Amino acid sequence: MPLENVGRLLIILGLLIVATGLLFLVAGRVPFLGRLPGDIHWERDGLSIYVPLATGLLLSVLLSVLLTLVLNLLNRR
């Protein structure tokens, strides 16, 4: 693998790490994230169970679309 390709790969990985960090910073400020209608929350006698089904599904779809777009852009060169 030529060094030019390794350099591009490192830049892309760095940008992905920065984007993930920004996502974690902003995720706590989104009011509906984690409180969607499909999220399940049980609470009884000191036991609390939270299953974020709808939030996980929404994030999965969004990240899949984003990753598909990024990979298509990288393959067009």
Protein backbone atom coordinates (compact mmCIF):
# COMPACT_ATOMS: atom_id res chain seq x y z
CA MET A 1 0.00 0.00 0.00
CA PRO A 2 1.56 3.31 -1.05
CA LEU A 3 2.19 5.92 1.62
CA GLU A 4 -0.21 8.33 -0.09
CA ASN A 5 -3.10 5.93 0.52
CA VAL A 6 -2.07 5.44 4.15
CA GLY A 7 -2.05 9.20 4.63
CA ARG A 8 -5.55 9.53 3.22
CA LEU A 9 -6.78 6.69 5.41
CA LEU A 10 -5.33 8.35 8.53
CA ILE A 11 -6.96 11.66 7.66
CA ILE A 12 -10.35 9.98 7.14
CA LEU A 13 -10.03 8.07 10.42
CA GLY A 14 -9.12 11.29 12.22
CA LEU A 15 -12.15 13.06 10.79
CA LEU A 16 -14.38 10.16 11.86
CA ILE A 17 -12.99 10.36 15.40
CA VAL A 18 -13.63 14.12 15.53
CA ALA A 19 -17.17 13.63 14.17
CA THR A 20 -17.85 10.97 16.81
CA GLY A 21 -16.60 13.29 19.55
CA LEU A 22 -18.82 16.10 18.32
CA LEU A 23 -21.76 13.71 18.20
CA PHE A 24 -21.23 12.79 21.85
CA LEU A 25 -21.02 16.46 22.81
CA VAL A 26 -24.24 17.36 20.99
CA ALA A 27 -26.23 14.19 21.79
CA GLY A 28 -26.95 15.29 25.36
CA ARG A 29 -28.53 18.50 24.12
CA VAL A 30 -31.03 16.92 21.72
CA PRO A 31 -34.30 16.99 23.70
CA PHE A 32 -36.09 14.00 22.13
CA LEU A 33 -33.10 11.63 21.90
CA GLY A 34 -33.67 8.81 24.39
CA ARG A 35 -37.32 9.68 24.95
CA LEU A 36 -38.95 8.48 21.74
CA PRO A 37 -42.32 6.69 21.83
CA GLY A 38 -40.75 3.26 21.13
CA ASP A 39 -38.30 3.46 24.04
CA ILE A 40 -39.23 1.19 26.95
CA HIS A 41 -38.76 2.22 30.58
CA TRP A 42 -39.80 0.09 33.57
CA GLU A 43 -39.47 1.20 37.17
CA ARG A 44 -40.37 -0.90 40.23
CA ASP A 45 -39.17 -1.09 43.83
CA GLY A 46 -35.74 0.44 43.31
CA LEU A 47 -35.20 -1.31 39.94
CA SER A 48 -35.12 0.71 36.76
CA ILE A 49 -34.79 -0.82 33.28
CA TYR A 50 -34.42 1.30 30.17
CA VAL A 51 -34.41 -0.17 26.63
CA PRO A 52 -33.98 2.51 23.92
CA LEU A 53 -35.47 0.57 20.97
CA ALA A 54 -36.71 3.50 18.89
CA THR A 55 -33.64 5.63 19.60
CA GLY A 56 -31.32 2.78 18.60
CA LEU A 57 -33.27 2.15 15.41
CA LEU A 58 -33.25 5.84 14.47
CA LEU A 59 -29.50 6.19 15.09
CA SER A 60 -28.83 2.99 13.15
CA VAL A 61 -30.72 4.23 10.10
CA LEU A 62 -29.06 7.67 10.23
CA LEU A 63 -25.56 6.23 10.59
CA SER A 64 -26.18 3.69 7.81
CA VAL A 65 -27.27 6.43 5.41
CA LEU A 66 -24.30 8.61 6.39
CA LEU A 67 -21.81 5.76 6.02
CA THR A 68 -23.27 4.78 2.64
CA LEU A 69 -22.92 8.36 1.40
CA VAL A 70 -19.33 8.63 2.62
CA LEU A 71 -18.33 5.30 1.07
CA ASN A 72 -19.97 6.22 -2.25
CA LEU A 73 -18.10 9.53 -2.30
CA LEU A 74 -14.79 7.79 -1.58
CA ASN A 75 -15.31 5.18 -4.31
CA ARG A 76 -16.07 7.75 -7.03
CA ARG A 77 -12.48 9.05 -7.17
